[in-house]
Every structure is written in C-alpha cells, then in structure tokens.
C-alpha cells in the first residue's frame, strides 16, 4: 500500500499546486478591479509578482503531474 499511497500523494500534490495557480489567476484581477488607491496598486504589484513566478511553474508542474499520472496508472491497487 505504501507505493500506492506515495504515488497518489505525489499526483495530488502536483495537481493541487496547479489548482492553486489557477485560483490565484482568477482572484488576482478581482483584488484590484475598479480601484486605484495606493493600497490597491501595492496589491496589484504583489499579485503580479506572484503571477509571474507561478507562470514559470506551470509547465514543469504539468510535466511532473503527467508522469505521476502515468505511474499511478501502472501501479497495482493495494486491494487486489
């Protein structure tokens, strides 16, 4: 069971990271929509930094999640 669990954990971790990035991309514009005060500009700046960093993580995460999924498909379920 430990191989099954480890494989599934890796897959869930990488898919979770991709989901976090997708949520951040949707929330970012909402943080600054229609406002222009200094706090909002600071939030927009911070959101852009996070977005840029996360953008560079998408491709590597997709690759590793794909490998995790392939590995998970090949693993023998512990209940059989």
PDB file of N, CA and C in Angstrom:
ATOM      1  N   UNK A   1       0.821  -1.203   0.000  1.00  0.00           N
ATOM      2  CA  UNK A   1       0.000   0.000   0.000  1.00  0.00           C
ATOM      3  C   UNK A   1       0.858   1.257   0.000  1.00  0.00           C
ATOM      4  N   UNK A   2       2.055   1.204   0.554  1.00  0.00           N
ATOM      5  CA  UNK A   2       2.864   2.421   0.648  1.00  0.00           C
ATOM      6  C   UNK A   2       3.213   2.977  -0.733  1.00  0.00           C
ATOM      7  N   UNK A   3       3.473   2.114  -1.733  1.00  0.00           N
ATOM      8  CA  UNK A   3       3.755   2.595  -3.083  1.00  0.00           C
ATOM      9  C   UNK A   3       2.548   3.280  -3.695  1.00  0.00           C
ATOM     10  N   UNK A   4       1.380   2.688  -3.491  1.00  0.00           N
ATOM     11  CA  UNK A   4       0.129   3.254  -3.985  1.00  0.00           C
ATOM     12  C   UNK A   4      -0.111   4.626  -3.353  1.00  0.00           C
ATOM     13  N   UNK A   5       0.040   4.690  -2.057  1.00  0.00           N
ATOM     14  CA  UNK A   5      -0.204   5.934  -1.321  1.00  0.00           C
ATOM     15  C   UNK A   5       0.804   7.012  -1.715  1.00  0.00           C
ATOM     16  N   UNK A   6       2.067   6.641  -1.826  1.00  0.00           N
ATOM     17  CA  UNK A   6       3.105   7.616  -2.193  1.00  0.00           C
ATOM     18  C   UNK A   6       2.851   8.158  -3.598  1.00  0.00           C
ATOM     19  N   UNK A   7       2.491   7.279  -4.498  1.00  0.00           N
ATOM     20  CA  UNK A   7       2.224   7.684  -5.878  1.00  0.00           C
ATOM     21  C   UNK A   7       1.025   8.629  -5.931  1.00  0.00           C
ATOM     22  N   UNK A   8      -0.020   8.282  -5.231  1.00  0.00           N
ATOM     23  CA  UNK A   8      -1.217   9.116  -5.207  1.00  0.00           C
ATOM     24  C   UNK A   8      -0.941  10.459  -4.525  1.00  0.00           C
ATOM     25  N   UNK A   9      -0.153  10.443  -3.479  1.00  0.00           N
ATOM     26  CA  UNK A   9       0.203  11.683  -2.780  1.00  0.00           C
ATOM     27  C   UNK A   9       0.948  12.635  -3.709  1.00  0.00           C
ATOM     28  N   UNK A  10       1.908  12.107  -4.458  1.00  0.00           N
ATOM     29  CA  UNK A  10       2.659  12.951  -5.401  1.00  0.00           C
ATOM     30  C   UNK A  10       1.725  13.568  -6.444  1.00  0.00           C
ATOM     31  N   UNK A  11       0.849  12.748  -6.996  1.00  0.00           N
ATOM     32  CA  UNK A  11      -0.087  13.233  -8.007  1.00  0.00           C
ATOM     33  C   UNK A  11      -0.991  14.320  -7.427  1.00  0.00           C
ATOM     34  N   UNK A  12      -1.534  14.083  -6.251  1.00  0.00           N
ATOM     35  CA  UNK A  12      -2.416  15.077  -5.621  1.00  0.00           C
ATOM     36  C   UNK A  12      -1.673  16.371  -5.298  1.00  0.00           C
ATOM     37  N   UNK A  13      -0.432  16.268  -4.847  1.00  0.00           N
ATOM     38  CA  UNK A  13       0.352  17.463  -4.533  1.00  0.00           C
ATOM     39  C   UNK A  13       0.567  18.328  -5.779  1.00  0.00           C
ATOM     40  N   UNK A  14       0.936  17.702  -6.879  1.00  0.00           N
ATOM     41  CA  UNK A  14       1.213  18.468  -8.093  1.00  0.00           C
ATOM     42  C   UNK A  14      -0.064  19.028  -8.713  1.00  0.00           C
ATOM     43  N   UNK A  15      -1.140  18.247  -8.696  1.00  0.00           N
ATOM     44  CA  UNK A  15      -2.408  18.772  -9.196  1.00  0.00           C
ATOM     45  C   UNK A  15      -2.926  19.895  -8.292  1.00  0.00           C
ATOM     46  N   UNK A  16      -2.710  19.768  -6.991  1.00  0.00           N
ATOM     47  CA  UNK A  16      -3.107  20.821  -6.053  1.00  0.00           C
ATOM     48  C   UNK A  16      -2.359  22.117  -6.303  1.00  0.00           C
ATOM     49  N   UNK A  17      -1.063  22.009  -6.597  1.00  0.00           N
ATOM     50  CA  UNK A  17      -0.273  23.209  -6.897  1.00  0.00           C
ATOM     51  C   UNK A  17      -0.788  23.883  -8.163  1.00  0.00           C
ATOM     52  N   UNK A  18      -1.129  23.082  -9.181  1.00  0.00           N
ATOM     53  CA  UNK A  18      -1.692  23.652 -10.406  1.00  0.00           C
ATOM     54  C   UNK A  18      -3.048  24.315 -10.130  1.00  0.00           C
ATOM     55  N   UNK A  19      -3.847  23.716  -9.292  1.00  0.00           N
ATOM     56  CA  UNK A  19      -5.136  24.309  -8.927  1.00  0.00           C
ATOM     57  C   UNK A  19      -4.935  25.635  -8.186  1.00  0.00           C
ATOM     58  N   UNK A  20      -3.974  25.678  -7.283  1.00  0.00           N
ATOM     59  CA  UNK A  20      -3.689  26.924  -6.566  1.00  0.00           C
ATOM     60  C   UNK A  20      -3.338  28.046  -7.538  1.00  0.00           C
ATOM     61  N   UNK A  21      -2.526  27.727  -8.545  1.00  0.00           N
ATOM     62  CA  UNK A  21      -2.142  28.730  -9.540  1.00  0.00           C
ATOM     63  C   UNK A  21      -3.375  29.214 -10.302  1.00  0.00           C
ATOM     64  N   UNK A  22      -4.246  28.287 -10.694  1.00  0.00           N
ATOM     65  CA  UNK A  22      -5.463  28.671 -11.425  1.00  0.00           C
ATOM     66  C   UNK A  22      -6.346  29.585 -10.580  1.00  0.00           C
ATOM     67  N   UNK A  23      -6.482  29.287  -9.309  1.00  0.00           N
ATOM     68  CA  UNK A  23      -7.295  30.120  -8.413  1.00  0.00           C
ATOM     69  C   UNK A  23      -6.667  31.498  -8.260  1.00  0.00           C
ATOM     70  N   UNK A  24      -5.356  31.550  -8.092  1.00  0.00           N
ATOM     71  CA  UNK A  24      -4.676  32.841  -7.960  1.00  0.00           C
ATOM     72  C   UNK A  24      -4.864  33.691  -9.213  1.00  0.00           C
ATOM     73  N   UNK A  25      -4.826  33.052 -10.384  1.00  0.00           N
ATOM     74  CA  UNK A  25      -5.005  33.799 -11.629  1.00  0.00           C
ATOM     75  C   UNK A  25      -6.407  34.390 -11.731  1.00  0.00           C
ATOM     76  N   UNK A  26      -7.386  33.705 -11.178  1.00  0.00           N
ATOM     77  CA  UNK A  26      -8.753  34.228 -11.211  1.00  0.00           C
ATOM     78  C   UNK A  26      -8.979  35.306 -10.154  1.00  0.00           C
ATOM     79  N   UNK A  27      -8.349  35.149  -8.998  1.00  0.00           N
ATOM     80  CA  UNK A  27      -8.559  36.109  -7.909  1.00  0.00           C
ATOM     81  C   UNK A  27      -7.762  37.395  -8.076  1.00  0.00           C
ATOM     82  N   UNK A  28      -6.595  37.314  -8.689  1.00  0.00           N
ATOM     83  CA  UNK A  28      -5.727  38.483  -8.843  1.00  0.00           C
ATOM     84  C   UNK A  28      -6.430  39.703  -9.394  1.00  0.00           C
ATOM     85  N   UNK A  29      -7.069  39.592 -10.543  1.00  0.00           N
ATOM     86  CA  UNK A  29      -7.755  40.768 -11.107  1.00  0.00           C
ATOM     87  C   UNK A  29      -8.882  41.291 -10.222  1.00  0.00           C
ATOM     88  N   UNK A  30      -9.520  40.409  -9.484  1.00  0.00           N
ATOM     89  CA  UNK A  30     -10.614  40.844  -8.610  1.00  0.00           C
ATOM     90  C   UNK A  30     -10.116  41.695  -7.447  1.00  0.00           C
ATOM     91  N   UNK A  31      -8.852  41.496  -7.052  1.00  0.00           N
ATOM     92  CA  UNK A  31      -8.298  42.279  -5.946  1.00  0.00           C
ATOM     93  C   UNK A  31      -8.144  43.747  -6.301  1.00  0.00           C
ATOM     94  N   UNK A  32      -8.000  44.039  -7.570  1.00  0.00           N
ATOM     95  CA  UNK A  32      -7.708  45.411  -7.978  1.00  0.00           C
ATOM     96  C   UNK A  32      -8.774  46.024  -8.869  1.00  0.00           C
ATOM     97  N   UNK A  33      -9.804  45.302  -9.179  1.00  0.00           N
ATOM     98  CA  UNK A  33     -10.822  45.770 -10.115  1.00  0.00           C
ATOM     99  C   UNK A  33     -11.490  47.059  -9.641  1.00  0.00           C
ATOM    100  N   UNK A  34     -11.468  48.067 -10.520  1.00  0.00           N
ATOM    101  CA  UNK A  34     -12.212  49.293 -10.290  1.00  0.00           C
ATOM    102  C   UNK A  34     -11.682  50.218  -9.211  1.00  0.00           C
ATOM    103  N   UNK A  35     -10.501  49.983  -8.696  1.00  0.00           N
ATOM    104  CA  UNK A  35      -9.967  50.836  -7.630  1.00  0.00           C
ATOM    105  C   UNK A  35      -8.579  51.311  -8.019  1.00  0.00           C
ATOM    106  N   UNK A  36      -8.180  52.457  -7.491  1.00  0.00           N
ATOM    107  CA  UNK A  36      -6.868  52.984  -7.880  1.00  0.00           C
ATOM    108  C   UNK A  36      -6.094  53.617  -6.729  1.00  0.00           C
ATOM    109  N   UNK A  37      -6.445  53.310  -5.497  1.00  0.00           N
ATOM    110  CA  UNK A  37      -5.696  53.914  -4.395  1.00  0.00           C
ATOM    111  C   UNK A  37      -4.348  53.199  -4.207  1.00  0.00           C
ATOM    112  N   UNK A  38      -3.536  53.717  -3.332  1.00  0.00           N
ATOM    113  CA  UNK A  38      -2.184  53.210  -3.132  1.00  0.00           C
ATOM    114  C   UNK A  38      -2.167  51.759  -2.665  1.00  0.00           C
ATOM    115  N   UNK A  39      -3.066  51.397  -1.762  1.00  0.00           N
ATOM    116  CA  UNK A  39      -3.122  50.014  -1.280  1.00  0.00           C
ATOM    117  C   UNK A  39      -3.432  49.051  -2.417  1.00  0.00           C
ATOM    118  N   UNK A  40      -4.338  49.458  -3.270  1.00  0.00           N
ATOM    119  CA  UNK A  40      -4.729  48.594  -4.381  1.00  0.00           C
ATOM    120  C   UNK A  40      -3.571  48.451  -5.359  1.00  0.00           C
ATOM    121  N   UNK A  41      -2.860  49.528  -5.617  1.00  0.00           N
ATOM    122  CA  UNK A  41      -1.697  49.444  -6.507  1.00  0.00           C
ATOM    123  C   UNK A  41      -0.636  48.526  -5.921  1.00  0.00           C
ATOM    124  N   UNK A  42      -0.456  48.590  -4.607  1.00  0.00           N
ATOM    125  CA  UNK A  42       0.515  47.708  -3.947  1.00  0.00           C
ATOM    126  C   UNK A  42       0.071  46.251  -4.066  1.00  0.00           C
ATOM    127  N   UNK A  43      -1.227  46.005  -3.914  1.00  0.00           N
ATOM    128  CA  UNK A  43      -1.758  44.641  -4.072  1.00  0.00           C
ATOM    129  C   UNK A  43      -1.562  44.158  -5.503  1.00  0.00           C
ATOM    130  N   UNK A  44      -1.820  45.041  -6.449  1.00  0.00           N
ATOM    131  CA  UNK A  44      -1.666  44.677  -7.858  1.00  0.00           C
ATOM    132  C   UNK A  44      -0.215  44.327  -8.163  1.00  0.00           C
ATOM    133  N   UNK A  45       0.704  45.098  -7.619  1.00  0.00           N
ATOM    134  CA  UNK A  45       2.122  44.840  -7.808  1.00  0.00           C
ATOM    135  C   UNK A  45       2.492  43.475  -7.225  1.00  0.00           C
ATOM    136  N   UNK A  46       2.042  43.206  -6.012  1.00  0.00           N
ATOM    137  CA  UNK A  46       2.334  41.924  -5.357  1.00  0.00           C
ATOM    138  C   UNK A  46       1.693  40.765  -6.126  1.00  0.00           C
ATOM    139  N   UNK A  47       0.460  40.954  -6.581  1.00  0.00           N
ATOM    140  CA  UNK A  47      -0.221  39.897  -7.339  1.00  0.00           C
ATOM    141  C   UNK A  47       0.522  39.600  -8.630  1.00  0.00           C
ATOM    142  N   UNK A  48       1.059  40.631  -9.252  1.00  0.00           N
ATOM    143  CA  UNK A  48       1.813  40.435 -10.500  1.00  0.00           C
ATOM    144  C   UNK A  48       3.092  39.645 -10.242  1.00  0.00           C
ATOM    145  N   UNK A  49       3.769  39.934  -9.160  1.00  0.00           N
ATOM    146  CA  UNK A  49       4.991  39.198  -8.823  1.00  0.00           C
ATOM    147  C   UNK A  49       4.665  37.722  -8.610  1.00  0.00           C
ATOM    148  N   UNK A  50       3.620  37.459  -7.852  1.00  0.00           N
ATOM    149  CA  UNK A  50       3.212  36.072  -7.605  1.00  0.00           C
ATOM    150  C   UNK A  50       2.816  35.407  -8.921  1.00  0.00           C
ATOM    151  N   UNK A  51       2.047  36.106  -9.733  1.00  0.00           N
ATOM    152  CA  UNK A  51       1.590  35.556 -11.005  1.00  0.00           C
ATOM    153  C   UNK A  51       2.758  35.215 -11.922  1.00  0.00           C
ATOM    154  N   UNK A  52       3.723  36.108 -12.014  1.00  0.00           N
ATOM    155  CA  UNK A  52       4.896  35.857 -12.856  1.00  0.00           C
ATOM    156  C   UNK A  52       5.674  34.634 -12.370  1.00  0.00           C
ATOM    157  N   UNK A  53       5.846  34.533 -11.062  1.00  0.00           N
ATOM    158  CA  UNK A  53       6.569  33.387 -10.506  1.00  0.00           C
ATOM    159  C   UNK A  53       5.814  32.097 -10.777  1.00  0.00           C
ATOM    160  N   UNK A  54       4.512  32.135 -10.531  1.00  0.00           N
ATOM    161  CA  UNK A  54       3.714  30.931 -10.730  1.00  0.00           C
ATOM    162  C   UNK A  54       3.620  30.543 -12.206  1.00  0.00           C
ATOM    163  N   UNK A  55       3.611  31.517 -13.081  1.00  0.00           N
ATOM    164  CA  UNK A  55       3.543  31.228 -14.514  1.00  0.00           C
ATOM    165  C   UNK A  55       4.712  30.351 -14.943  1.00  0.00           C
ATOM    166  N   UNK A  56       5.874  30.598 -14.371  1.00  0.00           N
ATOM    167  CA  UNK A  56       7.051  29.798 -14.722  1.00  0.00           C
ATOM    168  C   UNK A  56       6.994  28.392 -14.127  1.00  0.00           C
ATOM    169  N   UNK A  57       6.095  28.156 -13.207  1.00  0.00           N
ATOM    170  CA  UNK A  57       5.973  26.839 -12.574  1.00  0.00           C
ATOM    171  C   UNK A  57       4.975  25.927 -13.283  1.00  0.00           C
ATOM    172  N   UNK A  58       4.135  26.484 -14.133  1.00  0.00           N
ATOM    173  CA  UNK A  58       3.055  25.703 -14.738  1.00  0.00           C
ATOM    174  C   UNK A  58       3.589  24.552 -15.588  1.00  0.00           C
ATOM    175  N   UNK A  59       4.453  24.837 -16.526  1.00  0.00           N
ATOM    176  CA  UNK A  59       4.950  23.794 -17.436  1.00  0.00           C
ATOM    177  C   UNK A  59       5.655  22.660 -16.685  1.00  0.00           C
ATOM    178  N   UNK A  60       6.587  22.966 -15.770  1.00  0.00           N
ATOM    179  CA  UNK A  60       7.213  21.864 -15.019  1.00  0.00           C
ATOM    180  C   UNK A  60       6.199  21.058 -14.197  1.00  0.00           C
ATOM    181  N   UNK A  61       5.224  21.735 -13.605  1.00  0.00           N
ATOM    182  CA  UNK A  61       4.208  21.015 -12.825  1.00  0.00           C
ATOM    183  C   UNK A  61       3.352  20.119 -13.718  1.00  0.00           C
ATOM    184  N   UNK A  62       3.007  20.605 -14.919  1.00  0.00           N
ATOM    185  CA  UNK A  62       2.232  19.779 -15.847  1.00  0.00           C
ATOM    186  C   UNK A  62       3.007  18.526 -16.245  1.00  0.00           C
ATOM    187  N   UNK A  63       4.300  18.691 -16.484  1.00  0.00           N
ATOM    188  CA  UNK A  63       5.123  17.537 -16.865  1.00  0.00           C
ATOM    189  C   UNK A  63       5.204  16.508 -15.746  1.00  0.00           C
ATOM    190  N   UNK A  64       5.484  16.968 -14.548  1.00  0.00           N
ATOM    191  CA  UNK A  64       5.626  16.031 -13.429  1.00  0.00           C
ATOM    192  C   UNK A  64       4.279  15.413 -13.062  1.00  0.00           C
ATOM    193  N   UNK A  65       3.192  16.173 -13.166  1.00  0.00           N
ATOM    194  CA  UNK A  65       1.868  15.611 -12.892  1.00  0.00           C
ATOM    195  C   UNK A  65       1.527  14.546 -13.929  1.00  0.00           C
ATOM    196  N   UNK A  66       1.904  14.779 -15.170  1.00  0.00           N
ATOM    197  CA  UNK A  66       1.686  13.780 -16.212  1.00  0.00           C
ATOM    198  C   UNK A  66       2.446  12.494 -15.927  1.00  0.00           C
ATOM    199  N   UNK A  67       3.685  12.633 -15.497  1.00  0.00           N
ATOM    200  CA  UNK A  67       4.483  11.455 -15.133  1.00  0.00           C
ATOM    201  C   UNK A  67       3.881  10.750 -13.921  1.00  0.00           C
ATOM    202  N   UNK A  68       3.430  11.539 -12.947  1.00  0.00           N
ATOM    203  CA  UNK A  68       2.781  10.954 -11.763  1.00  0.00           C
ATOM    204  C   UNK A  68       1.537  10.159 -12.173  1.00  0.00           C
ATOM    205  N   UNK A  69       0.754  10.723 -13.098  1.00  0.00           N
ATOM    206  CA  UNK A  69      -0.471  10.054 -13.544  1.00  0.00           C
ATOM    207  C   UNK A  69      -0.144   8.744 -14.260  1.00  0.00           C
ATOM    208  N   UNK A  70       0.890   8.761 -15.081  1.00  0.00           N
ATOM    209  CA  UNK A  70       1.303   7.530 -15.774  1.00  0.00           C
ATOM    210  C   UNK A  70       1.759   6.472 -14.771  1.00  0.00           C
ATOM    211  N   UNK A  71       2.518   6.908 -13.797  1.00  0.00           N
ATOM    212  CA  UNK A  71       2.991   5.988 -12.766  1.00  0.00           C
ATOM    213  C   UNK A  71       1.811   5.422 -11.975  1.00  0.00           C
ATOM    214  N   UNK A  72       0.855   6.280 -11.669  1.00  0.00           N
ATOM    215  CA  UNK A  72      -0.317   5.863 -10.906  1.00  0.00           C
ATOM    216  C   UNK A  72      -1.146   4.838 -11.694  1.00  0.00           C
ATOM    217  N   UNK A  73      -1.241   5.042 -12.999  1.00  0.00           N
ATOM    218  CA  UNK A  73      -1.985   4.091 -13.835  1.00  0.00           C
ATOM    219  C   UNK A  73      -1.348   2.700 -13.830  1.00  0.00           C
ATOM    220  N   UNK A  74      -0.023   2.653 -13.699  1.00  0.00           N
ATOM    221  CA  UNK A  74       0.689   1.375 -13.749  1.00  0.00           C
ATOM    222  C   UNK A  74       0.755   0.657 -12.406  1.00  0.00           C
ATOM    223  N   UNK A  75       0.525   1.370 -11.332  1.00  0.00           N
ATOM    224  CA  UNK A  75       0.692   0.763 -10.014  1.00  0.00           C
ATOM    225  C   UNK A  75      -0.471  -0.190  -9.707  1.00  0.00           C
ATOM    226  N   UNK A  76      -0.139  -1.247  -9.078  1.00  0.00           N
ATOM    227  CA  UNK A  76      -1.153  -2.247  -8.721  1.00  0.00           C
ATOM    228  C   UNK A  76      -1.908  -1.775  -7.478  1.00  0.00           C
ATOM    229  N   UNK A  77      -3.235  -1.730  -7.553  1.00  0.00           N
ATOM    230  CA  UNK A  77      -4.012  -1.310  -6.375  1.00  0.00           C
ATOM    231  C   UNK A  77      -3.743  -2.242  -5.193  1.00  0.00           C
ATOM    232  N   UNK A  78      -3.668  -1.692  -4.033  1.00  0.00           N
ATOM    233  CA  UNK A  78      -3.340  -2.481  -2.850  1.00  0.00           C
ATOM    234  C   UNK A  78      -4.468  -3.438  -2.451  1.00  0.00           C
ATOM    235  N   UNK A  79      -5.686  -3.205  -2.924  1.00  0.00           N
ATOM    236  CA  UNK A  79      -6.812  -4.035  -2.517  1.00  0.00           C
ATOM    237  C   UNK A  79      -7.006  -5.264  -3.404  1.00  0.00           C
ATOM    238  N   UNK A  80      -6.140  -5.430  -4.419  1.00  0.00           N
ATOM    239  CA  UNK A  80      -6.305  -6.614  -5.271  1.00  0.00           C
ATOM    240  C   UNK A  80      -5.354  -7.726  -4.884  1.00  0.00           C
TER     241      UNK A  80
END
